Amino acid sequence: MSEQVQASHILISHSNAPNSDKDISNEDALEKITEIKEKLDSGESFSELATQYSDCPSSQKGGDLGLFGKGAMVPTFDEAVFKLEMGEISDVVETEFGYHLIHRTA
């Protein structure tokens, strides 16, 4: 059986992302996710920030993506989440969907 993790994420999408209805440039999206990372680094709640800012439907669950195995996510996201230790939050990760912060929860 393949290794599985549980993770939450915050996604800031931009106008160049597939299926995005966001009217925000790549640069502005990167600036926004960087500001959110600073809030996390100063102790704010990942779940609350995900609910408030994330462009993913998972924001309604505090960013929780549930349990998933290797290969379930796009390669860049997959690689980042499987490098994290339990409880660790990633630096900014860019995928075709935008910019992510990933919190490995299990």
N, C-alpha and C. Protein backbone atom coordinates (compact mmCIF):
# COMPACT_ATOMS: atom_id res chain seq x y z
N MET A 1 0.85 -1.19 0.00
CA MET A 1 0.00 0.00 0.00
C MET A 1 0.88 1.24 0.00
N SER A 2 0.52 2.21 -0.78
CA SER A 2 1.34 3.42 -0.87
C SER A 2 1.17 4.29 0.36
N GLU A 3 2.21 5.07 0.61
CA GLU A 3 2.18 6.01 1.73
C GLU A 3 1.06 7.02 1.52
N GLN A 4 0.38 7.35 2.60
CA GLN A 4 -0.67 8.35 2.54
C GLN A 4 -0.40 9.45 3.55
N VAL A 5 -0.89 10.63 3.23
CA VAL A 5 -0.79 11.78 4.13
C VAL A 5 -2.15 12.45 4.20
N GLN A 6 -2.29 13.28 5.20
CA GLN A 6 -3.43 14.18 5.25
C GLN A 6 -2.85 15.57 5.31
N ALA A 7 -3.46 16.48 4.56
CA ALA A 7 -2.93 17.84 4.51
C ALA A 7 -4.05 18.84 4.29
N SER A 8 -3.75 20.07 4.65
CA SER A 8 -4.60 21.21 4.35
C SER A 8 -3.78 22.16 3.50
N HIS A 9 -4.47 23.01 2.76
CA HIS A 9 -3.71 23.99 1.99
C HIS A 9 -4.48 25.29 1.86
N ILE A 10 -3.74 26.32 1.52
CA ILE A 10 -4.31 27.61 1.16
C ILE A 10 -3.87 27.84 -0.28
N LEU A 11 -4.82 28.12 -1.15
CA LEU A 11 -4.54 28.38 -2.55
C LEU A 11 -4.91 29.81 -2.88
N ILE A 12 -3.97 30.52 -3.47
CA ILE A 12 -4.26 31.82 -4.06
C ILE A 12 -4.09 31.65 -5.57
N SER A 13 -5.21 31.67 -6.26
CA SER A 13 -5.22 31.49 -7.70
C SER A 13 -4.96 32.83 -8.39
N HIS A 14 -4.73 32.79 -9.68
CA HIS A 14 -4.52 34.01 -10.45
C HIS A 14 -5.18 33.88 -11.82
N SER A 15 -5.18 34.94 -12.56
CA SER A 15 -5.92 34.97 -13.82
C SER A 15 -5.39 34.01 -14.87
N ASN A 16 -4.14 33.56 -14.76
CA ASN A 16 -3.58 32.64 -15.74
C ASN A 16 -3.81 31.16 -15.41
N ALA A 17 -4.39 30.88 -14.26
CA ALA A 17 -4.63 29.49 -13.85
C ALA A 17 -5.83 28.91 -14.60
N PRO A 18 -5.77 27.61 -14.93
CA PRO A 18 -6.90 26.99 -15.64
C PRO A 18 -8.19 27.09 -14.81
N ASN A 19 -9.27 27.38 -15.48
CA ASN A 19 -10.60 27.47 -14.86
C ASN A 19 -10.71 28.53 -13.77
N SER A 20 -9.79 29.48 -13.73
CA SER A 20 -9.82 30.52 -12.71
C SER A 20 -10.71 31.67 -13.15
N ASP A 21 -11.51 32.14 -12.22
CA ASP A 21 -12.29 33.35 -12.48
C ASP A 21 -11.70 34.54 -11.74
N LYS A 22 -10.48 34.39 -11.26
CA LYS A 22 -9.81 35.44 -10.49
C LYS A 22 -9.22 36.49 -11.42
N ASP A 23 -9.36 37.73 -11.04
CA ASP A 23 -8.80 38.84 -11.82
C ASP A 23 -7.61 39.40 -11.05
N ILE A 24 -6.61 38.55 -10.83
CA ILE A 24 -5.43 38.93 -10.07
C ILE A 24 -4.21 38.41 -10.83
N SER A 25 -3.18 39.23 -10.92
CA SER A 25 -1.98 38.83 -11.65
C SER A 25 -1.18 37.80 -10.85
N ASN A 26 -0.27 37.13 -11.54
CA ASN A 26 0.63 36.19 -10.86
C ASN A 26 1.39 36.91 -9.74
N GLU A 27 1.89 38.10 -10.04
CA GLU A 27 2.68 38.85 -9.06
C GLU A 27 1.86 39.21 -7.82
N ASP A 28 0.61 39.66 -8.04
CA ASP A 28 -0.24 40.01 -6.91
C ASP A 28 -0.64 38.77 -6.10
N ALA A 29 -0.84 37.65 -6.78
CA ALA A 29 -1.16 36.40 -6.08
C ALA A 29 0.03 35.96 -5.22
N LEU A 30 1.24 36.07 -5.76
CA LEU A 30 2.43 35.72 -5.00
C LEU A 30 2.60 36.64 -3.79
N GLU A 31 2.34 37.90 -3.97
CA GLU A 31 2.43 38.85 -2.85
C GLU A 31 1.41 38.49 -1.76
N LYS A 32 0.19 38.15 -2.18
CA LYS A 32 -0.86 37.80 -1.22
C LYS A 32 -0.50 36.54 -0.44
N ILE A 33 -0.01 35.49 -1.11
CA ILE A 33 0.33 34.25 -0.41
C ILE A 33 1.52 34.48 0.51
N THR A 34 2.44 35.35 0.12
CA THR A 34 3.59 35.67 0.97
C THR A 34 3.12 36.38 2.25
N GLU A 35 2.15 37.26 2.13
CA GLU A 35 1.58 37.92 3.31
C GLU A 35 0.89 36.92 4.23
N ILE A 36 0.20 35.95 3.65
CA ILE A 36 -0.46 34.92 4.46
C ILE A 36 0.59 34.07 5.18
N LYS A 37 1.68 33.74 4.50
CA LYS A 37 2.78 32.97 5.12
C LYS A 37 3.33 33.73 6.32
N GLU A 38 3.47 35.04 6.20
CA GLU A 38 3.95 35.85 7.32
C GLU A 38 2.98 35.77 8.50
N LYS A 39 1.68 35.77 8.23
CA LYS A 39 0.67 35.63 9.29
C LYS A 39 0.82 34.27 9.98
N LEU A 40 1.03 33.21 9.19
CA LEU A 40 1.24 31.88 9.76
C LEU A 40 2.49 31.85 10.62
N ASP A 41 3.57 32.45 10.12
CA ASP A 41 4.83 32.47 10.85
C ASP A 41 4.72 33.25 12.16
N SER A 42 3.76 34.17 12.24
CA SER A 42 3.58 34.92 13.48
C SER A 42 2.56 34.26 14.41
N GLY A 43 2.10 33.05 14.03
CA GLY A 43 1.27 32.27 14.95
C GLY A 43 -0.21 32.22 14.65
N GLU A 44 -0.66 32.83 13.55
CA GLU A 44 -2.09 32.77 13.24
C GLU A 44 -2.49 31.36 12.81
N SER A 45 -3.75 31.04 12.96
CA SER A 45 -4.28 29.70 12.69
C SER A 45 -4.34 29.39 11.20
N PHE A 46 -3.75 28.24 10.81
CA PHE A 46 -3.80 27.82 9.41
C PHE A 46 -5.25 27.67 8.96
N SER A 47 -6.03 26.99 9.75
CA SER A 47 -7.42 26.73 9.40
C SER A 47 -8.21 28.02 9.20
N GLU A 48 -8.03 28.97 10.11
CA GLU A 48 -8.76 30.24 9.99
C GLU A 48 -8.31 31.03 8.76
N LEU A 49 -7.01 31.03 8.48
CA LEU A 49 -6.51 31.74 7.31
C LEU A 49 -6.98 31.07 6.02
N ALA A 50 -7.02 29.74 6.01
CA ALA A 50 -7.52 29.02 4.84
C ALA A 50 -8.99 29.36 4.59
N THR A 51 -9.77 29.38 5.64
CA THR A 51 -11.19 29.71 5.51
C THR A 51 -11.37 31.13 4.96
N GLN A 52 -10.53 32.03 5.43
CA GLN A 52 -10.65 33.43 5.05
C GLN A 52 -10.11 33.73 3.65
N TYR A 53 -9.00 33.11 3.25
CA TYR A 53 -8.31 33.53 2.04
C TYR A 53 -8.27 32.53 0.88
N SER A 54 -8.35 31.24 1.15
CA SER A 54 -8.10 30.25 0.09
C SER A 54 -9.15 30.29 -1.01
N ASP A 55 -8.68 30.13 -2.25
CA ASP A 55 -9.55 30.09 -3.42
C ASP A 55 -10.04 28.68 -3.74
N CYS A 56 -9.69 27.71 -2.94
CA CYS A 56 -10.09 26.33 -3.15
C CYS A 56 -11.39 26.04 -2.39
N PRO A 57 -12.28 25.21 -2.95
CA PRO A 57 -13.49 24.84 -2.20
C PRO A 57 -13.19 24.23 -0.82
N SER A 58 -11.99 23.68 -0.65
CA SER A 58 -11.61 23.12 0.66
C SER A 58 -11.54 24.19 1.74
N SER A 59 -11.58 25.46 1.34
CA SER A 59 -11.54 26.54 2.34
C SER A 59 -12.68 26.43 3.34
N GLN A 60 -13.81 25.85 2.90
CA GLN A 60 -14.96 25.68 3.79
C GLN A 60 -14.66 24.69 4.92
N LYS A 61 -13.60 23.89 4.74
CA LYS A 61 -13.18 22.93 5.76
C LYS A 61 -11.82 23.33 6.33
N GLY A 62 -11.53 24.61 6.32
CA GLY A 62 -10.24 25.07 6.84
C GLY A 62 -9.07 24.64 5.98
N GLY A 63 -9.34 24.34 4.72
CA GLY A 63 -8.29 23.93 3.79
C GLY A 63 -8.02 22.44 3.76
N ASP A 64 -8.75 21.66 4.57
CA ASP A 64 -8.50 20.22 4.69
C ASP A 64 -8.78 19.49 3.37
N LEU A 65 -7.78 18.78 2.88
CA LEU A 65 -7.90 17.99 1.66
C LEU A 65 -8.16 16.51 1.94
N GLY A 66 -8.17 16.14 3.21
CA GLY A 66 -8.39 14.75 3.57
C GLY A 66 -7.13 13.92 3.38
N LEU A 67 -7.32 12.62 3.39
CA LEU A 67 -6.24 11.65 3.26
C LEU A 67 -6.04 11.31 1.79
N PHE A 68 -4.79 11.29 1.32
CA PHE A 68 -4.52 10.95 -0.07
C PHE A 68 -3.14 10.33 -0.20
N GLY A 69 -2.96 9.59 -1.27
CA GLY A 69 -1.69 8.92 -1.52
C GLY A 69 -0.86 9.63 -2.56
N LYS A 70 0.36 9.14 -2.74
CA LYS A 70 1.26 9.70 -3.74
C LYS A 70 0.61 9.60 -5.12
N GLY A 71 0.74 10.68 -5.88
CA GLY A 71 0.19 10.71 -7.23
C GLY A 71 -1.23 11.24 -7.32
N ALA A 72 -1.86 11.50 -6.19
CA ALA A 72 -3.24 12.00 -6.21
C ALA A 72 -3.32 13.48 -6.56
N MET A 73 -2.26 14.21 -6.30
CA MET A 73 -2.22 15.65 -6.55
C MET A 73 -1.29 15.93 -7.73
N VAL A 74 -1.31 17.16 -8.24
CA VAL A 74 -0.39 17.50 -9.32
C VAL A 74 1.04 17.33 -8.82
N PRO A 75 1.98 16.99 -9.72
CA PRO A 75 3.34 16.61 -9.29
C PRO A 75 4.06 17.59 -8.36
N THR A 76 3.99 18.87 -8.61
CA THR A 76 4.70 19.83 -7.76
C THR A 76 4.13 19.84 -6.35
N PHE A 77 2.81 19.80 -6.23
CA PHE A 77 2.15 19.75 -4.92
C PHE A 77 2.50 18.45 -4.22
N ASP A 78 2.38 17.35 -4.96
CA ASP A 78 2.66 16.02 -4.44
C ASP A 78 4.07 15.95 -3.86
N GLU A 79 5.03 16.43 -4.62
CA GLU A 79 6.43 16.41 -4.18
C GLU A 79 6.60 17.22 -2.89
N ALA A 80 5.98 18.38 -2.83
CA ALA A 80 6.12 19.24 -1.65
C ALA A 80 5.49 18.62 -0.41
N VAL A 81 4.28 18.09 -0.54
CA VAL A 81 3.57 17.58 0.64
C VAL A 81 4.27 16.35 1.22
N PHE A 82 4.83 15.50 0.35
CA PHE A 82 5.48 14.29 0.86
C PHE A 82 6.87 14.56 1.43
N LYS A 83 7.39 15.76 1.26
CA LYS A 83 8.65 16.15 1.90
C LYS A 83 8.43 16.72 3.30
N LEU A 84 7.19 17.14 3.60
CA LEU A 84 6.91 17.77 4.88
C LEU A 84 6.83 16.74 6.01
N GLU A 85 7.28 17.14 7.17
CA GLU A 85 7.08 16.35 8.39
C GLU A 85 5.68 16.63 8.91
N MET A 86 5.13 15.72 9.70
CA MET A 86 3.83 15.93 10.31
C MET A 86 3.84 17.25 11.09
N GLY A 87 2.85 18.10 10.83
CA GLY A 87 2.72 19.38 11.51
C GLY A 87 3.45 20.53 10.85
N GLU A 88 4.28 20.22 9.86
CA GLU A 88 5.07 21.25 9.19
C GLU A 88 4.25 21.97 8.11
N ILE A 89 4.57 23.25 7.91
CA ILE A 89 3.95 24.06 6.87
C ILE A 89 5.01 24.38 5.82
N SER A 90 4.64 24.23 4.58
CA SER A 90 5.58 24.47 3.47
C SER A 90 5.86 25.95 3.27
N ASP A 91 6.91 26.20 2.51
CA ASP A 91 7.08 27.52 1.92
C ASP A 91 6.08 27.61 0.78
N VAL A 92 6.07 28.70 0.06
CA VAL A 92 5.15 28.87 -1.06
C VAL A 92 5.48 27.84 -2.15
N VAL A 93 4.45 27.14 -2.62
CA VAL A 93 4.56 26.15 -3.68
C VAL A 93 3.73 26.62 -4.86
N GLU A 94 4.34 26.69 -6.03
CA GLU A 94 3.61 27.12 -7.22
C GLU A 94 3.21 25.91 -8.06
N THR A 95 1.93 25.86 -8.42
CA THR A 95 1.44 24.86 -9.37
C THR A 95 0.70 25.62 -10.47
N GLU A 96 0.17 24.87 -11.43
CA GLU A 96 -0.59 25.53 -12.48
C GLU A 96 -1.87 26.19 -11.96
N PHE A 97 -2.29 25.84 -10.76
CA PHE A 97 -3.51 26.41 -10.18
C PHE A 97 -3.28 27.70 -9.42
N GLY A 98 -2.01 28.00 -9.12
CA GLY A 98 -1.69 29.19 -8.37
C GLY A 98 -0.62 28.90 -7.33
N TYR A 99 -0.69 29.63 -6.23
CA TYR A 99 0.30 29.51 -5.16
C TYR A 99 -0.35 28.87 -3.94
N HIS A 100 0.37 27.93 -3.34
CA HIS A 100 -0.15 27.17 -2.20
C HIS A 100 0.76 27.31 -0.98
N LEU A 101 0.15 27.21 0.18
CA LEU A 101 0.84 26.89 1.43
C LEU A 101 0.22 25.58 1.87
N ILE A 102 1.05 24.63 2.23
CA ILE A 102 0.57 23.28 2.55
C ILE A 102 0.94 22.96 4.00
N HIS A 103 -0.03 22.44 4.73
CA HIS A 103 0.17 22.03 6.12
C HIS A 103 -0.09 20.54 6.21
N ARG A 104 0.94 19.77 6.48
CA ARG A 104 0.78 18.31 6.61
C ARG A 104 0.22 18.04 8.01
N THR A 105 -0.95 17.42 8.06
CA THR A 105 -1.63 17.21 9.33
C THR A 105 -1.60 15.76 9.80
N ALA A 106 -1.25 14.83 8.94
CA ALA A 106 -1.12 13.41 9.33
C ALA A 106 -0.31 12.67 8.29
